[in-house]
Amino acid sequence: GRGRADDADRGFYSGEIRGVRLWNRVVTHDDLWGTPSDPGAGTQATAG
């Protein structure tokens, strides 16, 4: 709902926010759209 710059809180948000996620890595295409099943690679279908 806000940011910080020049030693002050600012940029207060107006509207709706949901589904906030944070990672210590790069998000990839499969994170968003899901991973298809690949028995040869040992991966199961996973929703994004």
ModelCIF file with pLDDT and N, C-alpha, C, O atoms, coordinates in Angstrom:
data_MODEL
#
_entry.id   MODEL 
#
_entity.id                         1 
_entity.type                       polymer 
_entity.pdbx_number_of_molecules   1 
#
_entity_poly.entity_id                      1 
_entity_poly.type                           'polypeptide(L)' 
_entity_poly.nstd_linkage                   no 
_entity_poly.nstd_monomer                   no 
_entity_poly.pdbx_seq_one_letter_code       GRGRADDADRGFYSGEIRGVRLWNRVVTHDDLWGTPSDPGAGTQATAG 
_entity_poly.pdbx_seq_one_letter_code_can   GRGRADDADRGFYSGEIRGVRLWNRVVTHDDLWGTPSDPGAGTQATAG 
_entity_poly.pdbx_strand_id                 A 
#
loop_
_entity_poly_seq.entity_id 
_entity_poly_seq.num 
_entity_poly_seq.mon_id 
_entity_poly_seq.hetero 
1 1  GLY n 
1 2  ARG n 
1 3  GLY n 
1 4  ARG n 
1 5  ALA n 
1 6  ASP n 
1 7  ASP n 
1 8  ALA n 
1 9  ASP n 
1 10 ARG n 
1 11 GLY n 
1 12 PHE n 
1 13 TYR n 
1 14 SER n 
1 15 GLY n 
1 16 GLU n 
1 17 ILE n 
1 18 ARG n 
1 19 GLY n 
1 20 VAL n 
1 21 ARG n 
1 22 LEU n 
1 23 TRP n 
1 24 ASN n 
1 25 ARG n 
1 26 VAL n 
1 27 VAL n 
1 28 THR n 
1 29 HIS n 
1 30 ASP n 
1 31 ASP n 
1 32 LEU n 
1 33 TRP n 
1 34 GLY n 
1 35 THR n 
1 36 PRO n 
1 37 SER n 
1 38 ASP n 
1 39 PRO n 
1 40 GLY n 
1 41 ALA n 
1 42 GLY n 
1 43 THR n 
1 44 GLN n 
1 45 ALA n 
1 46 THR n 
1 47 ALA n 
1 48 GLY n 
#
_struct_asym.id          A 
_struct_asym.entity_id   1 
#
loop_
_ma_qa_metric.id 
_ma_qa_metric.mode 
_ma_qa_metric.name 
_ma_qa_metric.software_group_id 
_ma_qa_metric.type 
1 global pLDDT . pLDDT 
2 local  pLDDT . pLDDT 
#
_ma_qa_metric_global.metric_id      1 
_ma_qa_metric_global.metric_value   92.15 
_ma_qa_metric_global.model_id       1 
_ma_qa_metric_global.ordinal_id     1 
#
loop_
_ma_qa_metric_local.label_asym_id 
_ma_qa_metric_local.label_comp_id 
_ma_qa_metric_local.label_seq_id 
_ma_qa_metric_local.metric_id 
_ma_qa_metric_local.metric_value 
_ma_qa_metric_local.model_id 
_ma_qa_metric_local.ordinal_id 
A GLY 1  2 94.00 1 1  
A ARG 2  2 94.00 1 2  
A GLY 3  2 95.00 1 3  
A ARG 4  2 94.00 1 4  
A ALA 5  2 93.00 1 5  
A ASP 6  2 91.00 1 6  
A ASP 7  2 93.00 1 7  
A ALA 8  2 92.00 1 8  
A ASP 9  2 92.00 1 9  
A ARG 10 2 91.00 1 10 
A GLY 11 2 91.00 1 11 
A PHE 12 2 91.00 1 12 
A TYR 13 2 91.00 1 13 
A SER 14 2 89.00 1 14 
A GLY 15 2 91.00 1 15 
A GLU 16 2 95.00 1 16 
A ILE 17 2 97.00 1 17 
A ARG 18 2 98.00 1 18 
A GLY 19 2 98.00 1 19 
A VAL 20 2 98.00 1 20 
A ARG 21 2 98.00 1 21 
A LEU 22 2 98.00 1 22 
A TRP 23 2 98.00 1 23 
A ASN 24 2 98.00 1 24 
A ARG 25 2 98.00 1 25 
A VAL 26 2 98.00 1 26 
A VAL 27 2 97.00 1 27 
A THR 28 2 95.00 1 28 
A HIS 29 2 93.00 1 29 
A ASP 30 2 93.00 1 30 
A ASP 31 2 96.00 1 31 
A LEU 32 2 96.00 1 32 
A TRP 33 2 94.00 1 33 
A GLY 34 2 92.00 1 34 
A THR 35 2 90.00 1 35 
A PRO 36 2 86.00 1 36 
A SER 37 2 85.00 1 37 
A ASP 38 2 86.00 1 38 
A PRO 39 2 86.00 1 39 
A GLY 40 2 81.00 1 40 
A ALA 41 2 81.00 1 41 
A GLY 42 2 81.00 1 42 
A THR 43 2 85.00 1 43 
A GLN 44 2 85.00 1 44 
A ALA 45 2 87.00 1 45 
A THR 46 2 90.00 1 46 
A ALA 47 2 93.00 1 47 
A GLY 48 2 95.00 1 48 
#
loop_
_atom_site.group_PDB 
_atom_site.id 
_atom_site.type_symbol 
_atom_site.label_atom_id 
_atom_site.label_alt_id 
_atom_site.label_comp_id 
_atom_site.label_asym_id 
_atom_site.label_entity_id 
_atom_site.label_seq_id 
_atom_site.pdbx_PDB_ins_code 
_atom_site.Cartn_x 
_atom_site.Cartn_y 
_atom_site.Cartn_z 
_atom_site.occupancy 
_atom_site.B_iso_or_equiv 
_atom_site.pdbx_formal_charge 
_atom_site.auth_seq_id 
_atom_site.auth_comp_id 
_atom_site.auth_asym_id 
_atom_site.auth_atom_id 
_atom_site.pdbx_PDB_model_num 
ATOM 1   N N  . GLY A 1 1  ? 0.791  -1.232  0.000   1.00 94.00 ? 1  GLY A N  1 
ATOM 2   C CA . GLY A 1 1  ? 0.000  0.000   0.000   1.00 94.00 ? 1  GLY A CA 1 
ATOM 3   C C  . GLY A 1 1  ? 0.817  1.272   0.000   1.00 94.00 ? 1  GLY A C  1 
ATOM 4   O O  . GLY A 1 1  ? 0.243  2.361   0.008   1.00 94.00 ? 1  GLY A O  1 
ATOM 5   N N  . ARG A 1 2  ? 2.155  1.175   -0.009  1.00 94.00 ? 2  ARG A N  1 
ATOM 6   C CA . ARG A 1 2  ? 2.985  2.374   -0.084  1.00 94.00 ? 2  ARG A CA 1 
ATOM 7   C C  . ARG A 1 2  ? 4.406  1.999   -0.487  1.00 94.00 ? 2  ARG A C  1 
ATOM 8   O O  . ARG A 1 2  ? 4.763  0.821   -0.525  1.00 94.00 ? 2  ARG A O  1 
ATOM 9   N N  . GLY A 1 3  ? 5.231  3.042   -0.796  1.00 95.00 ? 3  GLY A N  1 
ATOM 10  C CA . GLY A 1 3  ? 6.658  2.885   -1.001  1.00 95.00 ? 3  GLY A CA 1 
ATOM 11  C C  . GLY A 1 3  ? 7.412  3.782   -0.042  1.00 95.00 ? 3  GLY A C  1 
ATOM 12  O O  . GLY A 1 3  ? 6.836  4.353   0.885   1.00 95.00 ? 3  GLY A O  1 
ATOM 13  N N  . ARG A 1 4  ? 8.727  3.897   -0.281  1.00 94.00 ? 4  ARG A N  1 
ATOM 14  C CA . ARG A 1 4  ? 9.565  4.765   0.541   1.00 94.00 ? 4  ARG A CA 1 
ATOM 15  C C  . ARG A 1 4  ? 10.629 5.388   -0.351  1.00 94.00 ? 4  ARG A C  1 
ATOM 16  O O  . ARG A 1 4  ? 11.254 4.693   -1.151  1.00 94.00 ? 4  ARG A O  1 
ATOM 17  N N  . ALA A 1 5  ? 10.839 6.693   -0.217  1.00 93.00 ? 5  ALA A N  1 
ATOM 18  C CA . ALA A 1 5  ? 11.860 7.415   -0.972  1.00 93.00 ? 5  ALA A CA 1 
ATOM 19  C C  . ALA A 1 5  ? 12.200 8.694   -0.222  1.00 93.00 ? 5  ALA A C  1 
ATOM 20  O O  . ALA A 1 5  ? 11.355 9.272   0.461   1.00 93.00 ? 5  ALA A O  1 
ATOM 21  N N  . ASP A 1 6  ? 13.456 9.131   -0.360  1.00 91.00 ? 6  ASP A N  1 
ATOM 22  C CA . ASP A 1 6  ? 13.895 10.381  0.285   1.00 91.00 ? 6  ASP A CA 1 
ATOM 23  C C  . ASP A 1 6  ? 13.576 10.384  1.773   1.00 91.00 ? 6  ASP A C  1 
ATOM 24  O O  . ASP A 1 6  ? 13.126 11.392  2.317   1.00 91.00 ? 6  ASP A O  1 
ATOM 25  N N  . ASP A 1 7  ? 13.812 9.248   2.428   1.00 93.00 ? 7  ASP A N  1 
ATOM 26  C CA . ASP A 1 7  ? 13.642 9.110   3.883   1.00 93.00 ? 7  ASP A CA 1 
ATOM 27  C C  . ASP A 1 7  ? 12.201 9.280   4.350   1.00 93.00 ? 7  ASP A C  1 
ATOM 28  O O  . ASP A 1 7  ? 11.964 9.600   5.515   1.00 93.00 ? 7  ASP A O  1 
ATOM 29  N N  . ALA A 1 8  ? 11.229 9.070   3.451   1.00 92.00 ? 8  ALA A N  1 
ATOM 30  C CA . ALA A 1 8  ? 9.830  9.263   3.853   1.00 92.00 ? 8  ALA A CA 1 
ATOM 31  C C  . ALA A 1 8  ? 8.947  8.235   3.150   1.00 92.00 ? 8  ALA A C  1 
ATOM 32  O O  . ALA A 1 8  ? 9.227  7.815   2.027   1.00 92.00 ? 8  ALA A O  1 
ATOM 33  N N  . ASP A 1 9  ? 7.870  7.838   3.841   1.00 92.00 ? 9  ASP A N  1 
ATOM 34  C CA . ASP A 1 9  ? 6.872  6.973   3.229   1.00 92.00 ? 9  ASP A CA 1 
ATOM 35  C C  . ASP A 1 9  ? 6.044  7.794   2.253   1.00 92.00 ? 9  ASP A C  1 
ATOM 36  O O  . ASP A 1 9  ? 5.645  8.919   2.552   1.00 92.00 ? 9  ASP A O  1 
ATOM 37  N N  . ARG A 1 10 ? 5.788  7.212   1.070   1.00 91.00 ? 10 ARG A N  1 
ATOM 38  C CA . ARG A 1 10 ? 5.043  7.952   0.061   1.00 91.00 ? 10 ARG A CA 1 
ATOM 39  C C  . ARG A 1 10 ? 4.463  6.986   -0.968  1.00 91.00 ? 10 ARG A C  1 
ATOM 40  O O  . ARG A 1 10 ? 4.664  5.775   -0.879  1.00 91.00 ? 10 ARG A O  1 
ATOM 41  N N  . GLY A 1 11 ? 3.738  7.538   -1.951  1.00 91.00 ? 11 GLY A N  1 
ATOM 42  C CA . GLY A 1 11 ? 3.152  6.705   -3.008  1.00 91.00 ? 11 GLY A CA 1 
ATOM 43  C C  . GLY A 1 11 ? 2.051  5.810   -2.497  1.00 91.00 ? 11 GLY A C  1 
ATOM 44  O O  . GLY A 1 11 ? 1.992  4.640   -2.876  1.00 91.00 ? 11 GLY A O  1 
ATOM 45  N N  . PHE A 1 12 ? 1.167  6.323   -1.640  1.00 91.00 ? 12 PHE A N  1 
ATOM 46  C CA . PHE A 1 12 ? 0.122  5.504   -1.030  1.00 91.00 ? 12 PHE A CA 1 
ATOM 47  C C  . PHE A 1 12 ? -0.890 5.046   -2.075  1.00 91.00 ? 12 PHE A C  1 
ATOM 48  O O  . PHE A 1 12 ? -1.331 5.819   -2.926  1.00 91.00 ? 12 PHE A O  1 
ATOM 49  N N  . TYR A 1 13 ? -1.244 3.768   -1.984  1.00 91.00 ? 13 TYR A N  1 
ATOM 50  C CA . TYR A 1 13 ? -2.035 3.117   -3.025  1.00 91.00 ? 13 TYR A CA 1 
ATOM 51  C C  . TYR A 1 13 ? -3.526 3.319   -2.803  1.00 91.00 ? 13 TYR A C  1 
ATOM 52  O O  . TYR A 1 13 ? -4.001 3.340   -1.667  1.00 91.00 ? 13 TYR A O  1 
ATOM 53  N N  . SER A 1 14 ? -4.253 3.466   -3.895  1.00 89.00 ? 14 SER A N  1 
ATOM 54  C CA . SER A 1 14 ? -5.710 3.519   -3.859  1.00 89.00 ? 14 SER A CA 1 
ATOM 55  C C  . SER A 1 14 ? -6.250 2.434   -4.798  1.00 89.00 ? 14 SER A C  1 
ATOM 56  O O  . SER A 1 14 ? -6.020 2.474   -6.006  1.00 89.00 ? 14 SER A O  1 
ATOM 57  N N  . GLY A 1 15 ? -6.960 1.479   -4.232  1.00 91.00 ? 15 GLY A N  1 
ATOM 58  C CA . GLY A 1 15 ? -7.496 0.384   -5.026  1.00 91.00 ? 15 GLY A CA 1 
ATOM 59  C C  . GLY A 1 15 ? -7.402 -0.910  -4.243  1.00 91.00 ? 15 GLY A C  1 
ATOM 60  O O  . GLY A 1 15 ? -7.239 -0.894  -3.023  1.00 91.00 ? 15 GLY A O  1 
ATOM 61  N N  . GLU A 1 16 ? -7.505 -2.028  -4.940  1.00 95.00 ? 16 GLU A N  1 
ATOM 62  C CA . GLU A 1 16 ? -7.514 -3.339  -4.307  1.00 95.00 ? 16 GLU A CA 1 
ATOM 63  C C  . GLU A 1 16 ? -6.264 -4.128  -4.660  1.00 95.00 ? 16 GLU A C  1 
ATOM 64  O O  . GLU A 1 16 ? -5.735 -4.019  -5.767  1.00 95.00 ? 16 GLU A O  1 
ATOM 65  N N  . ILE A 1 17 ? -5.802 -4.917  -3.710  1.00 97.00 ? 17 ILE A N  1 
ATOM 66  C CA . ILE A 1 17 ? -4.610 -5.749  -3.868  1.00 97.00 ? 17 ILE A CA 1 
ATOM 67  C C  . ILE A 1 17 ? -4.916 -7.112  -3.268  1.00 97.00 ? 17 ILE A C  1 
ATOM 68  O O  . ILE A 1 17 ? -5.536 -7.204  -2.208  1.00 97.00 ? 17 ILE A O  1 
ATOM 69  N N  . ARG A 1 18 ? -4.484 -8.165  -3.941  1.00 98.00 ? 18 ARG A N  1 
ATOM 70  C CA . ARG A 1 18 ? -4.614 -9.522  -3.405  1.00 98.00 ? 18 ARG A CA 1 
ATOM 71  C C  . ARG A 1 18 ? -3.491 -10.377 -3.979  1.00 98.00 ? 18 ARG A C  1 
ATOM 72  O O  . ARG A 1 18 ? -2.809 -9.978  -4.923  1.00 98.00 ? 18 ARG A O  1 
ATOM 73  N N  . GLY A 1 19 ? -3.311 -11.562 -3.393  1.00 98.00 ? 19 GLY A N  1 
ATOM 74  C CA . GLY A 1 19 ? -2.368 -12.539 -3.936  1.00 98.00 ? 19 GLY A CA 1 
ATOM 75  C C  . GLY A 1 19 ? -0.945 -12.051 -4.009  1.00 98.00 ? 19 GLY A C  1 
ATOM 76  O O  . GLY A 1 19 ? -0.292 -12.235 -5.036  1.00 98.00 ? 19 GLY A O  1 
ATOM 77  N N  . VAL A 1 20 ? -0.429 -11.426 -2.944  1.00 98.00 ? 20 VAL A N  1 
ATOM 78  C CA . VAL A 1 20 ? 0.950  -10.930 -2.942  1.00 98.00 ? 20 VAL A CA 1 
ATOM 79  C C  . VAL A 1 20 ? 1.900  -12.078 -2.590  1.00 98.00 ? 20 VAL A C  1 
ATOM 80  O O  . VAL A 1 20 ? 1.708  -12.761 -1.584  1.00 98.00 ? 20 VAL A O  1 
ATOM 81  N N  . ARG A 1 21 ? 2.920  -12.285 -3.420  1.00 98.00 ? 21 ARG A N  1 
ATOM 82  C CA . ARG A 1 21 ? 3.920  -13.324 -3.190  1.00 98.00 ? 21 ARG A CA 1 
ATOM 83  C C  . ARG A 1 21 ? 5.318  -12.744 -3.357  1.00 98.00 ? 21 ARG A C  1 
ATOM 84  O O  . ARG A 1 21 ? 5.528  -11.825 -4.149  1.00 98.00 ? 21 ARG A O  1 
ATOM 85  N N  . LEU A 1 22 ? 6.286  -13.294 -2.594  1.00 98.00 ? 22 LEU A N  1 
ATOM 86  C CA . LEU A 1 22 ? 7.692  -12.891 -2.669  1.00 98.00 ? 22 LEU A CA 1 
ATOM 87  C C  . LEU A 1 22 ? 8.563  -14.130 -2.782  1.00 98.00 ? 22 LEU A C  1 
ATOM 88  O O  . LEU A 1 22 ? 8.308  -15.139 -2.123  1.00 98.00 ? 22 LEU A O  1 
ATOM 89  N N  . TRP A 1 23 ? 9.597  -14.054 -3.622  1.00 98.00 ? 23 TRP A N  1 
ATOM 90  C CA . TRP A 1 23 ? 10.547 -15.147 -3.791  1.00 98.00 ? 23 TRP A CA 1 
ATOM 91  C C  . TRP A 1 23 ? 11.977 -14.621 -3.710  1.00 98.00 ? 23 TRP A C  1 
ATOM 92  O O  . TRP A 1 23 ? 12.236 -13.469 -4.060  1.00 98.00 ? 23 TRP A O  1 
ATOM 93  N N  . ASN A 1 24 ? 12.901 -15.455 -3.251  1.00 98.00 ? 24 ASN A N  1 
ATOM 94  C CA . ASN A 1 24 ? 14.338 -15.158 -3.349  1.00 98.00 ? 24 ASN A CA 1 
ATOM 95  C C  . ASN A 1 24 ? 14.926 -15.846 -4.575  1.00 98.00 ? 24 ASN A C  1 
ATOM 96  O O  . ASN A 1 24 ? 15.951 -16.521 -4.485  1.00 98.00 ? 24 ASN A O  1 
ATOM 97  N N  . ARG A 1 25 ? 14.294 -15.679 -5.679  1.00 98.00 ? 25 ARG A N  1 
ATOM 98  C CA . ARG A 1 25 ? 14.731 -16.236 -6.963  1.00 98.00 ? 25 ARG A CA 1 
ATOM 99  C C  . ARG A 1 25 ? 13.966 -15.554 -8.074  1.00 98.00 ? 25 ARG A C  1 
ATOM 100 O O  . ARG A 1 25 ? 13.100 -14.713 -7.830  1.00 98.00 ? 25 ARG A O  1 
ATOM 101 N N  . VAL A 1 26 ? 14.296 -15.927 -9.294  1.00 98.00 ? 26 VAL A N  1 
ATOM 102 C CA . VAL A 1 26 ? 13.599 -15.414 -10.475 1.00 98.00 ? 26 VAL A CA 1 
ATOM 103 C C  . VAL A 1 26 ? 12.327 -16.231 -10.707 1.00 98.00 ? 26 VAL A C  1 
ATOM 104 O O  . VAL A 1 26 ? 12.375 -17.461 -10.706 1.00 98.00 ? 26 VAL A O  1 
ATOM 105 N N  . VAL A 1 27 ? 11.203 -15.566 -10.904 1.00 97.00 ? 27 VAL A N  1 
ATOM 106 C CA . VAL A 1 27 ? 9.969  -16.251 -11.301 1.00 97.00 ? 27 VAL A CA 1 
ATOM 107 C C  . VAL A 1 27 ? 10.030 -16.538 -12.796 1.00 97.00 ? 27 VAL A C  1 
ATOM 108 O O  . VAL A 1 27 ? 10.449 -15.686 -13.579 1.00 97.00 ? 27 VAL A O  1 
ATOM 109 N N  . THR A 1 28 ? 9.616  -17.729 -13.189 1.00 95.00 ? 28 THR A N  1 
ATOM 110 C CA . THR A 1 28 ? 9.689  -18.150 -14.586 1.00 95.00 ? 28 THR A CA 1 
ATOM 111 C C  . THR A 1 28 ? 8.288  -18.369 -15.162 1.00 95.00 ? 28 THR A C  1 
ATOM 112 O O  . THR A 1 28 ? 7.278  -18.289 -14.462 1.00 95.00 ? 28 THR A O  1 
ATOM 113 N N  . HIS A 1 29 ? 8.273  -18.645 -16.442 1.00 93.00 ? 29 HIS A N  1 
ATOM 114 C CA . HIS A 1 29 ? 7.027  -18.903 -17.166 1.00 93.00 ? 29 HIS A CA 1 
ATOM 115 C C  . HIS A 1 29 ? 6.198  -19.990 -16.497 1.00 93.00 ? 29 HIS A C  1 
ATOM 116 O O  . HIS A 1 29 ? 4.982  -19.856 -16.361 1.00 93.00 ? 29 HIS A O  1 
ATOM 117 N N  . ASP A 1 30 ? 6.862  -21.078 -16.075 1.00 93.00 ? 30 ASP A N  1 
ATOM 118 C CA . ASP A 1 30 ? 6.128  -22.198 -15.484 1.00 93.00 ? 30 ASP A CA 1 
ATOM 119 C C  . ASP A 1 30 ? 5.506  -21.834 -14.147 1.00 93.00 ? 30 ASP A C  1 
ATOM 120 O O  . ASP A 1 30 ? 4.453  -22.370 -13.800 1.00 93.00 ? 30 ASP A O  1 
ATOM 121 N N  . ASP A 1 31 ? 6.129  -20.933 -13.380 1.00 96.00 ? 31 ASP A N  1 
ATOM 122 C CA . ASP A 1 31 ? 5.524  -20.483 -12.131 1.00 96.00 ? 31 ASP A CA 1 
ATOM 123 C C  . ASP A 1 31 ? 4.142  -19.883 -12.391 1.00 96.00 ? 31 ASP A C  1 
ATOM 124 O O  . ASP A 1 31 ? 3.219  -20.048 -11.593 1.00 96.00 ? 31 ASP A O  1 
ATOM 125 N N  . LEU A 1 32 ? 4.018  -19.189 -13.510 1.00 96.00 ? 32 LEU A N  1 
ATOM 126 C CA . LEU A 1 32 ? 2.774  -18.497 -13.831 1.00 96.00 ? 32 LEU A CA 1 
ATOM 127 C C  . LEU A 1 32 ? 1.769  -19.421 -14.499 1.00 96.00 ? 32 LEU A C  1 
ATOM 128 O O  . LEU A 1 32 ? 0.598  -19.438 -14.120 1.00 96.00 ? 32 LEU A O  1 
ATOM 129 N N  . TRP A 1 33 ? 2.206  -20.180 -15.476 1.00 94.00 ? 33 TRP A N  1 
ATOM 130 C CA . TRP A 1 33 ? 1.287  -20.935 -16.318 1.00 94.00 ? 33 TRP A CA 1 
ATOM 131 C C  . TRP A 1 33 ? 1.226  -22.418 -16.003 1.00 94.00 ? 33 TRP A C  1 
ATOM 132 O O  . TRP A 1 33 ? 0.378  -23.132 -16.541 1.00 94.00 ? 33 TRP A O  1 
ATOM 133 N N  . GLY A 1 34 ? 2.124  -22.896 -15.129 1.00 92.00 ? 34 GLY A N  1 
ATOM 134 C CA . GLY A 1 34 ? 2.095  -24.299 -14.754 1.00 92.00 ? 34 GLY A CA 1 
ATOM 135 C C  . GLY A 1 34 ? 3.142  -25.120 -15.482 1.00 92.00 ? 34 GLY A C  1 
ATOM 136 O O  . GLY A 1 34 ? 3.666  -24.712 -16.519 1.00 92.00 ? 34 GLY A O  1 
ATOM 137 N N  . THR A 1 35 ? 3.438  -26.287 -14.919 1.00 90.00 ? 35 THR A N  1 
ATOM 138 C CA . THR A 1 35 ? 4.427  -27.206 -15.479 1.00 90.00 ? 35 THR A CA 1 
ATOM 139 C C  . THR A 1 35 ? 3.718  -28.407 -16.080 1.00 90.00 ? 35 THR A C  1 
ATOM 140 O O  . THR A 1 35 ? 2.918  -29.046 -15.396 1.00 90.00 ? 35 THR A O  1 
ATOM 141 N N  . PRO A 1 36 ? 3.986  -28.734 -17.341 1.00 86.00 ? 36 PRO A N  1 
ATOM 142 C CA . PRO A 1 36 ? 3.355  -29.921 -17.927 1.00 86.00 ? 36 PRO A CA 1 
ATOM 143 C C  . PRO A 1 36 ? 3.985  -31.194 -17.382 1.00 86.00 ? 36 PRO A C  1 
ATOM 144 O O  . PRO A 1 36 ? 5.118  -31.185 -16.901 1.00 86.00 ? 36 PRO A O  1 
ATOM 145 N N  . SER A 1 37 ? 3.246  -32.275 -17.463 1.00 85.00 ? 37 SER A N  1 
ATOM 146 C CA . SER A 1 37 ? 3.760  -33.568 -17.038 1.00 85.00 ? 37 SER A CA 1 
ATOM 147 C C  . SER A 1 37 ? 4.837  -34.050 -18.009 1.00 85.00 ? 37 SER A C  1 
ATOM 148 O O  . SER A 1 37 ? 4.672  -33.959 -19.226 1.00 85.00 ? 37 SER A O  1 
ATOM 149 N N  . ASP A 1 38 ? 5.942  -34.562 -17.460 1.00 86.00 ? 38 ASP A N  1 
ATOM 150 C CA . ASP A 1 38 ? 7.025  -35.123 -18.267 1.00 86.00 ? 38 ASP A CA 1 
ATOM 151 C C  . ASP A 1 38 ? 7.596  -36.305 -17.505 1.00 86.00 ? 38 ASP A C  1 
ATOM 152 O O  . ASP A 1 38 ? 8.552  -36.138 -16.748 1.00 86.00 ? 38 ASP A O  1 
ATOM 153 N N  . PRO A 1 39 ? 7.026  -37.523 -17.687 1.00 86.00 ? 39 PRO A N  1 
ATOM 154 C CA . PRO A 1 39 ? 7.495  -38.683 -16.932 1.00 86.00 ? 39 PRO A CA 1 
ATOM 155 C C  . PRO A 1 39 ? 8.979  -38.949 -17.113 1.00 86.00 ? 39 PRO A C  1 
ATOM 156 O O  . PRO A 1 39 ? 9.640  -39.408 -16.181 1.00 86.00 ? 39 PRO A O  1 
ATOM 157 N N  . GLY A 1 40 ? 9.513  -38.669 -18.293 1.00 81.00 ? 40 GLY A N  1 
ATOM 158 C CA . GLY A 1 40 ? 10.930 -38.909 -18.535 1.00 81.00 ? 40 GLY A CA 1 
ATOM 159 C C  . GLY A 1 40 ? 11.830 -38.044 -17.676 1.00 81.00 ? 40 GLY A C  1 
ATOM 160 O O  . GLY A 1 40 ? 12.917 -38.462 -17.277 1.00 81.00 ? 40 GLY A O  1 
ATOM 161 N N  . ALA A 1 41 ? 11.369 -36.833 -17.393 1.00 81.00 ? 41 ALA A N  1 
ATOM 162 C CA . ALA A 1 41 ? 12.146 -35.912 -16.561 1.00 81.00 ? 41 ALA A CA 1 
ATOM 163 C C  . ALA A 1 41 ? 11.730 -35.978 -15.103 1.00 81.00 ? 41 ALA A C  1 
ATOM 164 O O  . ALA A 1 41 ? 12.306 -35.295 -14.256 1.00 81.00 ? 41 ALA A O  1 
ATOM 165 N N  . GLY A 1 42 ? 10.723 -36.804 -14.804 1.00 81.00 ? 42 GLY A N  1 
ATOM 166 C CA . GLY A 1 42 ? 10.281 -36.949 -13.428 1.00 81.00 ? 42 GLY A CA 1 
ATOM 167 C C  . GLY A 1 42 ? 9.421  -35.812 -12.916 1.00 81.00 ? 42 GLY A C  1 
ATOM 168 O O  . GLY A 1 42 ? 9.306  -35.637 -11.703 1.00 81.00 ? 42 GLY A O  1 
ATOM 169 N N  . THR A 1 43 ? 8.808  -35.025 -13.808 1.00 85.00 ? 43 THR A N  1 
ATOM 170 C CA . THR A 1 43 ? 7.971  -33.901 -13.376 1.00 85.00 ? 43 THR A CA 1 
ATOM 171 C C  . THR A 1 43 ? 6.500  -34.245 -13.565 1.00 85.00 ? 43 THR A C  1 
ATOM 172 O O  . THR A 1 43 ? 6.114  -34.893 -14.537 1.00 85.00 ? 43 THR A O  1 
ATOM 173 N N  . GLN A 1 44 ? 5.692  -33.797 -12.615 1.00 85.00 ? 44 GLN A N  1 
ATOM 174 C CA . GLN A 1 44 ? 4.250  -33.974 -12.690 1.00 85.00 ? 44 GLN A CA 1 
ATOM 175 C C  . GLN A 1 44 ? 3.593  -32.656 -13.059 1.00 85.00 ? 44 GLN A C  1 
ATOM 176 O O  . GLN A 1 44 ? 4.147  -31.584 -12.816 1.00 85.00 ? 44 GLN A O  1 
ATOM 177 N N  . ALA A 1 45 ? 2.414  -32.743 -13.645 1.00 87.00 ? 45 ALA A N  1 
ATOM 178 C CA . ALA A 1 45 ? 1.674  -31.535 -14.006 1.00 87.00 ? 45 ALA A CA 1 
ATOM 179 C C  . ALA A 1 45 ? 1.371  -30.730 -12.751 1.00 87.00 ? 45 ALA A C  1 
ATOM 180 O O  . ALA A 1 45 ? 0.848  -31.260 -11.770 1.00 87.00 ? 45 ALA A O  1 
ATOM 181 N N  . THR A 1 46 ? 1.704  -29.443 -12.794 1.00 90.00 ? 46 THR A N  1 
ATOM 182 C CA . THR A 1 46 ? 1.497  -28.553 -11.655 1.00 90.00 ? 46 THR A CA 1 
ATOM 183 C C  . THR A 1 46 ? 0.862  -27.264 -12.150 1.00 90.00 ? 46 THR A C  1 
ATOM 184 O O  . THR A 1 46 ? 1.323  -26.685 -13.134 1.00 90.00 ? 46 THR A O  1 
ATOM 185 N N  . ALA A 1 47 ? -0.183 -26.813 -11.483 1.00 93.00 ? 47 ALA A N  1 
ATOM 186 C CA . ALA A 1 47 ? -0.854 -25.572 -11.881 1.00 93.00 ? 47 ALA A CA 1 
ATOM 187 C C  . ALA A 1 47 ? 0.021  -24.368 -11.540 1.00 93.00 ? 47 ALA A C  1 
ATOM 188 O O  . ALA A 1 47 ? 0.754  -24.379 -10.551 1.00 93.00 ? 47 ALA A O  1 
ATOM 189 N N  . GLY A 1 48 ? -0.066 -23.332 -12.369 1.00 95.00 ? 48 GLY A N  1 
ATOM 190 C CA . GLY A 1 48 ? 0.640  -22.098 -12.107 1.00 95.00 ? 48 GLY A CA 1 
ATOM 191 C C  . GLY A 1 48 ? -0.189 -21.159 -11.241 1.00 95.00 ? 48 GLY A C  1 
ATOM 192 O O  . GLY A 1 48 ? 0.259  -20.059 -10.919 1.00 95.00 ? 48 GLY A O  1 
#
